[in-house]
PDB file of all heavy atoms in Angstrom:
ATOM      1  N   LEU A   1       0.854  -1.197   0.000  1.00  0.00           N
ATOM      2  CA  LEU A   1       0.000   0.000   0.000  1.00  0.00           C
ATOM      3  C   LEU A   1       0.885   1.241   0.000  1.00  0.00           C
ATOM      4  O   LEU A   1       1.132   1.846   1.052  1.00  0.00           O
ATOM      5  CB  LEU A   1      -0.916  -0.011   1.234  1.00  0.00           C
ATOM      6  CG  LEU A   1      -1.851  -1.213   1.376  1.00  0.00           C
ATOM      7  CD1 LEU A   1      -2.542  -1.203   2.727  1.00  0.00           C
ATOM      8  CD2 LEU A   1      -2.881  -1.228   0.247  1.00  0.00           C
ATOM      9  N   PRO A   2       1.398   1.649  -1.145  1.00  0.00           N
ATOM     10  CA  PRO A   2       2.353   2.766  -1.216  1.00  0.00           C
ATOM     11  C   PRO A   2       1.822   4.077  -0.636  1.00  0.00           C
ATOM     12  O   PRO A   2       2.610   4.935  -0.231  1.00  0.00           O
ATOM     13  CB  PRO A   2       2.625   2.895  -2.719  1.00  0.00           C
ATOM     14  CG  PRO A   2       2.281   1.560  -3.294  1.00  0.00           C
ATOM     15  CD  PRO A   2       1.155   1.041  -2.467  1.00  0.00           C
ATOM     16  N   ALA A   3       0.526   4.242  -0.580  1.00  0.00           N
ATOM     17  CA  ALA A   3      -0.034   5.488  -0.049  1.00  0.00           C
ATOM     18  C   ALA A   3       0.315   5.687   1.424  1.00  0.00           C
ATOM     19  O   ALA A   3       0.253   6.810   1.943  1.00  0.00           O
ATOM     20  CB  ALA A   3      -1.554   5.492  -0.225  1.00  0.00           C
ATOM     21  N   LEU A   4       0.689   4.617   2.114  1.00  0.00           N
ATOM     22  CA  LEU A   4       1.011   4.712   3.539  1.00  0.00           C
ATOM     23  C   LEU A   4       2.466   5.095   3.790  1.00  0.00           C
ATOM     24  O   LEU A   4       2.862   5.264   4.943  1.00  0.00           O
ATOM     25  CB  LEU A   4       0.726   3.363   4.223  1.00  0.00           C
ATOM     26  CG  LEU A   4      -0.729   2.909   4.255  1.00  0.00           C
ATOM     27  CD1 LEU A   4      -0.837   1.530   4.891  1.00  0.00           C
ATOM     28  CD2 LEU A   4      -1.583   3.914   5.030  1.00  0.00           C
ATOM     29  N   ARG A   5       3.273   5.230   2.727  1.00  0.00           N
ATOM     30  CA  ARG A   5       4.700   5.483   2.910  1.00  0.00           C
ATOM     31  C   ARG A   5       4.987   6.742   3.744  1.00  0.00           C
ATOM     32  O   ARG A   5       5.892   6.724   4.583  1.00  0.00           O
ATOM     33  CB  ARG A   5       5.399   5.568   1.554  1.00  0.00           C
ATOM     34  CG  ARG A   5       6.916   5.718   1.666  1.00  0.00           C
ATOM     35  CD  ARG A   5       7.626   5.537   0.343  1.00  0.00           C
ATOM     36  NE  ARG A   5       7.648   4.132  -0.044  1.00  0.00           N
ATOM     37  CZ  ARG A   5       6.936   3.615  -1.035  1.00  0.00           C
ATOM     38  NH1 ARG A   5       6.125   4.384  -1.734  1.00  0.00           N
ATOM     39  NH2 ARG A   5       7.017   2.333  -1.339  1.00  0.00           N
ATOM     40  N   PRO A   6       4.247   7.848   3.590  1.00  0.00           N
ATOM     41  CA  PRO A   6       4.538   9.026   4.429  1.00  0.00           C
ATOM     42  C   PRO A   6       4.298   8.785   5.919  1.00  0.00           C
ATOM     43  O   PRO A   6       4.766   9.570   6.746  1.00  0.00           O
ATOM     44  CB  PRO A   6       3.567  10.095   3.880  1.00  0.00           C
ATOM     45  CG  PRO A   6       3.239   9.638   2.497  1.00  0.00           C
ATOM     46  CD  PRO A   6       3.236   8.152   2.557  1.00  0.00           C
ATOM     47  N   HIS A   7       3.581   7.739   6.264  1.00  0.00           N
ATOM     48  CA  HIS A   7       3.246   7.476   7.666  1.00  0.00           C
ATOM     49  C   HIS A   7       4.077   6.331   8.244  1.00  0.00           C
ATOM     50  O   HIS A   7       3.687   5.707   9.238  1.00  0.00           O
ATOM     51  CB  HIS A   7       1.760   7.143   7.795  1.00  0.00           C
ATOM     52  CG  HIS A   7       0.859   8.157   7.165  1.00  0.00           C
ATOM     53  ND1 HIS A   7       0.667   9.416   7.693  1.00  0.00           N
ATOM     54  CD2 HIS A   7       0.106   8.105   6.025  1.00  0.00           C
ATOM     55  CE1 HIS A   7      -0.169  10.097   6.932  1.00  0.00           C
ATOM     56  NE2 HIS A   7      -0.524   9.329   5.911  1.00  0.00           N
ATOM     57  N   THR A   8       5.221   6.054   7.632  1.00  0.00           N
ATOM     58  CA  THR A   8       6.042   4.910   8.038  1.00  0.00           C
ATOM     59  C   THR A   8       6.391   4.947   9.521  1.00  0.00           C
ATOM     60  O   THR A   8       6.218   3.959  10.241  1.00  0.00           O
ATOM     61  CB  THR A   8       7.337   4.869   7.196  1.00  0.00           C
ATOM     62  OG1 THR A   8       6.996   4.651   5.833  1.00  0.00           O
ATOM     63  CG2 THR A   8       8.251   3.739   7.672  1.00  0.00           C
ATOM     64  N   LEU A   9       6.891   6.071  10.006  1.00  0.00           N
ATOM     65  CA  LEU A   9       7.327   6.157  11.401  1.00  0.00           C
ATOM     66  C   LEU A   9       6.158   5.967  12.356  1.00  0.00           C
ATOM     67  O   LEU A   9       6.279   5.258  13.364  1.00  0.00           O
ATOM     68  CB  LEU A   9       8.008   7.497  11.657  1.00  0.00           C
ATOM     69  CG  LEU A   9       8.500   7.729  13.093  1.00  0.00           C
ATOM     70  CD1 LEU A   9       9.500   6.648  13.505  1.00  0.00           C
ATOM     71  CD2 LEU A   9       9.127   9.113  13.241  1.00  0.00           C
ATOM     72  N   HIS A  10       5.012   6.580  12.049  1.00  0.00           N
ATOM     73  CA  HIS A  10       3.858   6.449  12.940  1.00  0.00           C
ATOM     74  C   HIS A  10       3.375   4.989  13.003  1.00  0.00           C
ATOM     75  O   HIS A  10       2.972   4.509  14.067  1.00  0.00           O
ATOM     76  CB  HIS A  10       2.721   7.359  12.463  1.00  0.00           C
ATOM     77  CG  HIS A  10       3.088   8.810  12.458  1.00  0.00           C
ATOM     78  ND1 HIS A  10       3.571   9.430  11.336  1.00  0.00           N
ATOM     79  CD2 HIS A  10       3.054   9.746  13.440  1.00  0.00           C
ATOM     80  CE1 HIS A  10       3.815  10.707  11.615  1.00  0.00           C
ATOM     81  NE2 HIS A  10       3.512  10.921  12.892  1.00  0.00           N
ATOM     82  N   ILE A  11       3.441   4.302  11.881  1.00  0.00           N
ATOM     83  CA  ILE A  11       3.020   2.896  11.866  1.00  0.00           C
ATOM     84  C   ILE A  11       3.961   2.055  12.712  1.00  0.00           C
ATOM     85  O   ILE A  11       3.528   1.191  13.487  1.00  0.00           O
ATOM     86  CB  ILE A  11       2.961   2.369  10.418  1.00  0.00           C
ATOM     87  CG1 ILE A  11       1.866   3.099   9.639  1.00  0.00           C
ATOM     88  CG2 ILE A  11       2.702   0.862  10.396  1.00  0.00           C
ATOM     89  CD1 ILE A  11       1.883   2.816   8.151  1.00  0.00           C
ATOM     90  N   THR A  12       5.271   2.291  12.581  1.00  0.00           N
ATOM     91  CA  THR A  12       6.236   1.508  13.372  1.00  0.00           C
ATOM     92  C   THR A  12       6.028   1.730  14.870  1.00  0.00           C
ATOM     93  O   THR A  12       6.069   0.773  15.655  1.00  0.00           O
ATOM     94  CB  THR A  12       7.681   1.875  12.998  1.00  0.00           C
ATOM     95  OG1 THR A  12       7.899   3.270  13.231  1.00  0.00           O
ATOM     96  CG2 THR A  12       7.984   1.551  11.559  1.00  0.00           C
ATOM     97  N   LEU A  13       5.793   2.967  15.276  1.00  0.00           N
ATOM     98  CA  LEU A  13       5.595   3.239  16.707  1.00  0.00           C
ATOM     99  C   LEU A  13       4.284   2.637  17.202  1.00  0.00           C
ATOM    100  O   LEU A  13       4.201   2.165  18.354  1.00  0.00           O
ATOM    101  CB  LEU A  13       5.623   4.745  16.959  1.00  0.00           C
ATOM    102  CG  LEU A  13       6.968   5.440  16.696  1.00  0.00           C
ATOM    103  CD1 LEU A  13       6.851   6.935  16.929  1.00  0.00           C
ATOM    104  CD2 LEU A  13       8.058   4.845  17.578  1.00  0.00           C
ATOM    105  N   GLY A  14       3.252   2.636  16.360  1.00  0.00           N
ATOM    106  CA  GLY A  14       1.992   1.997  16.751  1.00  0.00           C
ATOM    107  C   GLY A  14       2.147   0.501  16.934  1.00  0.00           C
ATOM    108  O   GLY A  14       1.619  -0.081  17.896  1.00  0.00           O
ATOM    109  N   LEU A  15       2.884  -0.153  16.027  1.00  0.00           N
ATOM    110  CA  LEU A  15       3.134  -1.591  16.160  1.00  0.00           C
ATOM    111  C   LEU A  15       3.954  -1.883  17.410  1.00  0.00           C
ATOM    112  O   LEU A  15       3.721  -2.883  18.103  1.00  0.00           O
ATOM    113  CB  LEU A  15       3.858  -2.110  14.917  1.00  0.00           C
ATOM    114  CG  LEU A  15       3.033  -2.144  13.627  1.00  0.00           C
ATOM    115  CD1 LEU A  15       3.920  -2.475  12.434  1.00  0.00           C
ATOM    116  CD2 LEU A  15       1.899  -3.156  13.739  1.00  0.00           C
ATOM    117  N   LEU A  16       4.912  -1.027  17.715  1.00  0.00           N
ATOM    118  CA  LEU A  16       5.726  -1.204  18.918  1.00  0.00           C
ATOM    119  C   LEU A  16       4.865  -1.119  20.179  1.00  0.00           C
ATOM    120  O   LEU A  16       5.014  -1.931  21.104  1.00  0.00           O
ATOM    121  CB  LEU A  16       6.822  -0.147  18.953  1.00  0.00           C
ATOM    122  CG  LEU A  16       7.744  -0.157  20.182  1.00  0.00           C
ATOM    123  CD1 LEU A  16       8.529  -1.463  20.250  1.00  0.00           C
ATOM    124  CD2 LEU A  16       8.695   1.029  20.156  1.00  0.00           C
ATOM    125  N   ALA A  17       3.951  -0.159  20.216  1.00  0.00           N
ATOM    126  CA  ALA A  17       3.055  -0.027  21.369  1.00  0.00           C
ATOM    127  C   ALA A  17       2.172  -1.265  21.516  1.00  0.00           C
ATOM    128  O   ALA A  17       1.944  -1.755  22.634  1.00  0.00           O
ATOM    129  CB  ALA A  17       2.193   1.228  21.218  1.00  0.00           C
ATOM    130  N   LEU A  18       1.685  -1.801  20.402  1.00  0.00           N
ATOM    131  CA  LEU A  18       0.845  -2.993  20.447  1.00  0.00           C
ATOM    132  C   LEU A  18       1.629  -4.196  20.978  1.00  0.00           C
ATOM    133  O   LEU A  18       1.126  -4.956  21.823  1.00  0.00           O
ATOM    134  CB  LEU A  18       0.307  -3.291  19.046  1.00  0.00           C
ATOM    135  CG  LEU A  18      -0.574  -4.542  18.905  1.00  0.00           C
ATOM    136  CD1 LEU A  18      -1.836  -4.399  19.756  1.00  0.00           C
ATOM    137  CD2 LEU A  18      -0.948  -4.776  17.448  1.00  0.00           C
ATOM    138  N   LEU A  19       2.858  -4.364  20.507  1.00  0.00           N
ATOM    139  CA  LEU A  19       3.694  -5.469  20.991  1.00  0.00           C
ATOM    140  C   LEU A  19       3.960  -5.349  22.486  1.00  0.00           C
ATOM    141  O   LEU A  19       3.949  -6.343  23.218  1.00  0.00           O
ATOM    142  CB  LEU A  19       5.030  -5.486  20.238  1.00  0.00           C
ATOM    143  CG  LEU A  19       5.090  -6.277  18.942  1.00  0.00           C
ATOM    144  CD1 LEU A  19       6.474  -6.154  18.336  1.00  0.00           C
ATOM    145  CD2 LEU A  19       4.766  -7.737  19.201  1.00  0.00           C
ATOM    146  N   THR A  20       4.228  -4.144  22.926  1.00  0.00           N
ATOM    147  CA  THR A  20       4.491  -3.921  24.347  1.00  0.00           C
ATOM    148  C   THR A  20       3.290  -4.338  25.185  1.00  0.00           C
ATOM    149  O   THR A  20       3.430  -5.036  26.200  1.00  0.00           O
ATOM    150  CB  THR A  20       4.812  -2.438  24.596  1.00  0.00           C
ATOM    151  OG1 THR A  20       5.915  -2.056  23.780  1.00  0.00           O
ATOM    152  CG2 THR A  20       5.156  -2.196  26.057  1.00  0.00           C
ATOM    153  N   LEU A  21       2.114  -3.928  24.767  1.00  0.00           N
ATOM    154  CA  LEU A  21       0.894  -4.248  25.505  1.00  0.00           C
ATOM    155  C   LEU A  21       0.659  -5.758  25.553  1.00  0.00           C
ATOM    156  O   LEU A  21       0.337  -6.314  26.614  1.00  0.00           O
ATOM    157  CB  LEU A  21      -0.294  -3.543  24.847  1.00  0.00           C
ATOM    158  CG  LEU A  21      -1.640  -3.690  25.547  1.00  0.00           C
ATOM    159  CD1 LEU A  21      -1.579  -3.081  26.930  1.00  0.00           C
ATOM    160  CD2 LEU A  21      -2.737  -3.022  24.725  1.00  0.00           C
ATOM    161  N   VAL A  22       0.837  -6.426  24.419  1.00  0.00           N
ATOM    162  CA  VAL A  22       0.622  -7.876  24.375  1.00  0.00           C
ATOM    163  C   VAL A  22       1.587  -8.586  25.310  1.00  0.00           C
ATOM    164  O   VAL A  22       1.197  -9.510  26.047  1.00  0.00           O
ATOM    165  CB  VAL A  22       0.772  -8.389  22.935  1.00  0.00           C
ATOM    166  CG1 VAL A  22       0.810  -9.921  22.907  1.00  0.00           C
ATOM    167  CG2 VAL A  22      -0.375  -7.893  22.070  1.00  0.00           C
ATOM    168  N   ASN A  23       2.841  -8.196  25.329  1.00  0.00           N
ATOM    169  CA  ASN A  23       3.824  -8.875  26.163  1.00  0.00           C
ATOM    170  C   ASN A  23       3.632  -8.588  27.640  1.00  0.00           C
ATOM    171  O   ASN A  23       3.964  -9.427  28.480  1.00  0.00           O
ATOM    172  CB  ASN A  23       5.238  -8.493  25.721  1.00  0.00           C
ATOM    173  CG  ASN A  23       5.690  -9.287  24.519  1.00  0.00           C
ATOM    174  OD1 ASN A  23       6.148 -10.414  24.638  1.00  0.00           O
ATOM    175  ND2 ASN A  23       5.531  -8.708  23.341  1.00  0.00           N
ATOM    176  N   LEU A  24       3.114  -7.414  27.965  1.00  0.00           N
ATOM    177  CA  LEU A  24       2.824  -7.128  29.371  1.00  0.00           C
ATOM    178  C   LEU A  24       1.704  -8.009  29.905  1.00  0.00           C
ATOM    179  O   LEU A  24       1.553  -8.158  31.117  1.00  0.00           O
ATOM    180  CB  LEU A  24       2.456  -5.652  29.537  1.00  0.00           C
ATOM    181  CG  LEU A  24       3.613  -4.654  29.410  1.00  0.00           C
ATOM    182  CD1 LEU A  24       3.076  -3.228  29.431  1.00  0.00           C
ATOM    183  CD2 LEU A  24       4.637  -4.853  30.524  1.00  0.00           C
ATOM    184  N   ARG A  25       0.927  -8.610  29.018  1.00  0.00           N
ATOM    185  CA  ARG A  25      -0.159  -9.492  29.441  1.00  0.00           C
ATOM    186  C   ARG A  25       0.332 -10.892  29.779  1.00  0.00           C
ATOM    187  O   ARG A  25      -0.453 -11.729  30.226  1.00  0.00           O
ATOM    188  CB  ARG A  25      -1.230  -9.567  28.351  1.00  0.00           C
ATOM    189  CG  ARG A  25      -1.967  -8.256  28.138  1.00  0.00           C
ATOM    190  CD  ARG A  25      -3.035  -8.390  27.059  1.00  0.00           C
ATOM    191  NE  ARG A  25      -4.091  -9.293  27.470  1.00  0.00           N
ATOM    192  CZ  ARG A  25      -5.212  -8.934  28.083  1.00  0.00           C
ATOM    193  NH1 ARG A  25      -5.418  -7.654  28.368  1.00  0.00           N
ATOM    194  NH2 ARG A  25      -6.126  -9.819  28.415  1.00  0.00           N
ATOM    195  N   GLY A  26       1.621 -11.190  29.554  1.00  0.00           N
ATOM    196  CA  GLY A  26       2.169 -12.476  29.972  1.00  0.00           C
ATOM    197  C   GLY A  26       2.483 -13.408  28.826  1.00  0.00           C
ATOM    198  O   GLY A  26       2.047 -13.218  27.686  1.00  0.00           O
ATOM    199  N   VAL A  27       3.269 -14.467  29.127  1.00  0.00           N
ATOM    200  CA  VAL A  27       3.768 -15.399  28.117  1.00  0.00           C
ATOM    201  C   VAL A  27       2.644 -16.162  27.436  1.00  0.00           C
ATOM    202  O   VAL A  27       2.622 -16.319  26.212  1.00  0.00           O
ATOM    203  CB  VAL A  27       4.771 -16.384  28.760  1.00  0.00           C
ATOM    204  CG1 VAL A  27       5.130 -17.504  27.783  1.00  0.00           C
ATOM    205  CG2 VAL A  27       6.016 -15.655  29.205  1.00  0.00           C
ATOM    206  N   SER A  28       1.685 -16.659  28.213  1.00  0.00           N
ATOM    207  CA  SER A  28       0.654 -17.516  27.624  1.00  0.00           C
ATOM    208  C   SER A  28      -0.203 -16.747  26.625  1.00  0.00           C
ATOM    209  O   SER A  28      -0.511 -17.242  25.541  1.00  0.00           O
ATOM    210  CB  SER A  28      -0.225 -18.114  28.726  1.00  0.00           C
ATOM    211  OG  SER A  28      -0.886 -17.094  29.451  1.00  0.00           O
ATOM    212  N   GLU A  29      -0.590 -15.519  26.977  1.00  0.00           N
ATOM    213  CA  GLU A  29      -1.407 -14.742  26.052  1.00  0.00           C
ATOM    214  C   GLU A  29      -0.598 -14.297  24.839  1.00  0.00           C
ATOM    215  O   GLU A  29      -1.100 -14.263  23.718  1.00  0.00           O
ATOM    216  CB  GLU A  29      -2.004 -13.536  26.772  1.00  0.00           C
ATOM    217  CG  GLU A  29      -3.052 -13.924  27.799  1.00  0.00           C
ATOM    218  CD  GLU A  29      -4.064 -12.815  28.033  1.00  0.00           C
ATOM    219  OE1 GLU A  29      -4.199 -11.936  27.162  1.00  0.00           O
ATOM    220  OE2 GLU A  29      -4.725 -12.843  29.078  1.00  0.00           O
ATOM    221  N   ALA A  30       0.681 -13.940  25.053  1.00  0.00           N
ATOM    222  CA  ALA A  30       1.526 -13.560  23.922  1.00  0.00           C
ATOM    223  C   ALA A  30       1.684 -14.727  22.959  1.00  0.00           C
ATOM    224  O   ALA A  30       1.600 -14.572  21.736  1.00  0.00           O
ATOM    225  CB  ALA A  30       2.893 -13.086  24.423  1.00  0.00           C
ATOM    226  N   GLY A  31       1.900 -15.922  23.520  1.00  0.00           N
ATOM    227  CA  GLY A  31       2.032 -17.095  22.663  1.00  0.00           C
ATOM    228  C   GLY A  31       0.771 -17.369  21.874  1.00  0.00           C
ATOM    229  O   GLY A  31       0.826 -17.696  20.683  1.00  0.00           O
ATOM    230  N   ALA A  32      -0.379 -17.236  22.532  1.00  0.00           N
ATOM    231  CA  ALA A  32      -1.649 -17.479  21.841  1.00  0.00           C
ATOM    232  C   ALA A  32      -1.860 -16.477  20.705  1.00  0.00           C
ATOM    233  O   ALA A  32      -2.384 -16.816  19.646  1.00  0.00           O
ATOM    234  CB  ALA A  32      -2.799 -17.384  22.844  1.00  0.00           C
ATOM    235  N   VAL A  33      -1.425 -15.226  20.922  1.00  0.00           N
ATOM    236  CA  VAL A  33      -1.575 -14.202  19.891  1.00  0.00           C
ATOM    237  C   VAL A  33      -0.684 -14.491  18.689  1.00  0.00           C
ATOM    238  O   VAL A  33      -1.069 -14.267  17.541  1.00  0.00           O
ATOM    239  CB  VAL A  33      -1.245 -12.806  20.484  1.00  0.00           C
ATOM    240  CG1 VAL A  33      -1.118 -11.762  19.385  1.00  0.00           C
ATOM    241  CG2 VAL A  33      -2.320 -12.392  21.478  1.00  0.00           C
ATOM    242  N   PHE A  34       0.519 -15.037  18.932  1.00  0.00           N
ATOM    243  CA  PHE A  34       1.511 -15.168  17.868  1.00  0.00           C
ATOM    244  C   PHE A  34       1.473 -16.500  17.131  1.00  0.00           C
ATOM    245  O   PHE A  34       2.064 -16.619  16.056  1.00  0.00           O
ATOM    246  CB  PHE A  34       2.912 -14.955  18.430  1.00  0.00           C
ATOM    247  CG  PHE A  34       3.113 -13.595  19.050  1.00  0.00           C
ATOM    248  CD1 PHE A  34       3.879 -13.439  20.183  1.00  0.00           C
ATOM    249  CD2 PHE A  34       2.510 -12.479  18.495  1.00  0.00           C
ATOM    250  CE1 PHE A  34       4.056 -12.193  20.748  1.00  0.00           C
ATOM    251  CE2 PHE A  34       2.674 -11.234  19.056  1.00  0.00           C
ATOM    252  CZ  PHE A  34       3.452 -11.081  20.180  1.00  0.00           C
ATOM    253  N   VAL A  35       0.811 -17.500  17.679  1.00  0.00           N
ATOM    254  CA  VAL A  35       0.825 -18.819  17.040  1.00  0.00           C
ATOM    255  C   VAL A  35       0.205 -18.773  15.646  1.00  0.00           C
ATOM    256  O   VAL A  35       0.800 -19.249  14.665  1.00  0.00           O
ATOM    257  CB  VAL A  35       0.099 -19.857  17.927  1.00  0.00           C
ATOM    258  CG1 VAL A  35      -0.217 -21.107  17.114  1.00  0.00           C
ATOM    259  CG2 VAL A  35       0.968 -20.236  19.112  1.00  0.00           C
ATOM    260  N   VAL A  36      -0.981 -18.212  15.528  1.00  0.00           N
ATOM    261  CA  VAL A  36      -1.681 -18.206  14.234  1.00  0.00           C
ATOM    262  C   VAL A  36      -0.903 -17.424  13.174  1.00  0.00           C
ATOM    263  O   VAL A  36      -0.661 -17.932  12.071  1.00  0.00           O
ATOM    264  CB  VAL A  36      -3.118 -17.666  14.405  1.00  0.00           C
ATOM    265  CG1 VAL A  36      -3.788 -17.507  13.045  1.00  0.00           C
ATOM    266  CG2 VAL A  36      -3.931 -18.610  15.282  1.00  0.00           C
ATOM    267  N   PRO A  37      -0.456 -16.165  13.443  1.00  0.00           N
ATOM    268  CA  PRO A  37       0.311 -15.450  12.413  1.00  0.00           C
ATOM    269  C   PRO A  37       1.597 -16.172  12.004  1.00  0.00           C
ATOM    270  O   PRO A  37       1.976 -16.149  10.831  1.00  0.00           O
ATOM    271  CB  PRO A  37       0.619 -14.097  13.072  1.00  0.00           C
ATOM    272  CG  PRO A  37      -0.412 -13.935  14.118  1.00  0.00           C
ATOM    273  CD  PRO A  37      -0.714 -15.308  14.609  1.00  0.00           C
ATOM    274  N   THR A  38       2.259 -16.815  12.984  1.00  0.00           N
ATOM    275  CA  THR A  38       3.522 -17.494  12.673  1.00  0.00           C
ATOM    276  C   THR A  38       3.306 -18.634  11.694  1.00  0.00           C
ATOM    277  O   THR A  38       3.976 -18.721  10.649  1.00  0.00           O
ATOM    278  CB  THR A  38       4.169 -18.035  13.966  1.00  0.00           C
ATOM    279  OG1 THR A  38       4.405 -16.949  14.855  1.00  0.00           O
ATOM    280  CG2 THR A  38       5.479 -18.734  13.665  1.00  0.00           C
ATOM    281  N   TRP A  39       2.379 -19.507  12.006  1.00  0.00           N
ATOM    282  CA  TRP A  39       2.161 -20.656  11.131  1.00  0.00           C
ATOM    283  C   TRP A  39       1.458 -20.248   9.839  1.00  0.00           C
ATOM    284  O   TRP A  39       1.617 -20.895   8.793  1.00  0.00           O
ATOM    285  CB  TRP A  39       1.386 -21.743  11.882  1.00  0.00           C
ATOM    286  CG  TRP A  39       2.255 -22.375  12.929  1.00  0.00           C
ATOM    287  CD1 TRP A  39       2.255 -22.118  14.256  1.00  0.00           C
ATOM    288  CD2 TRP A  39       3.290 -23.334  12.698  1.00  0.00           C
ATOM    289  NE1 TRP A  39       3.210 -22.855  14.897  1.00  0.00           N
ATOM    290  CE2 TRP A  39       3.871 -23.628  13.963  1.00  0.00           C
ATOM    291  CE3 TRP A  39       3.786 -23.988  11.577  1.00  0.00           C
ATOM    292  CZ2 TRP A  39       4.914 -24.519  14.119  1.00  0.00           C
ATOM    293  CZ3 TRP A  39       4.829 -24.884  11.728  1.00  0.00           C
ATOM    294  CH2 TRP A  39       5.388 -25.150  12.987  1.00  0.00           C
TER     295      TRP A  39
END
């Protein structure tokens, strides 16, 4: 989606915030979140 290129930095920081929140919820929930995307 090339139209999003001007917002690259904002997208990276948003993804970082989401990862932080998921990991603060603990190993089991983080694992459950990541299993489907990984496979």
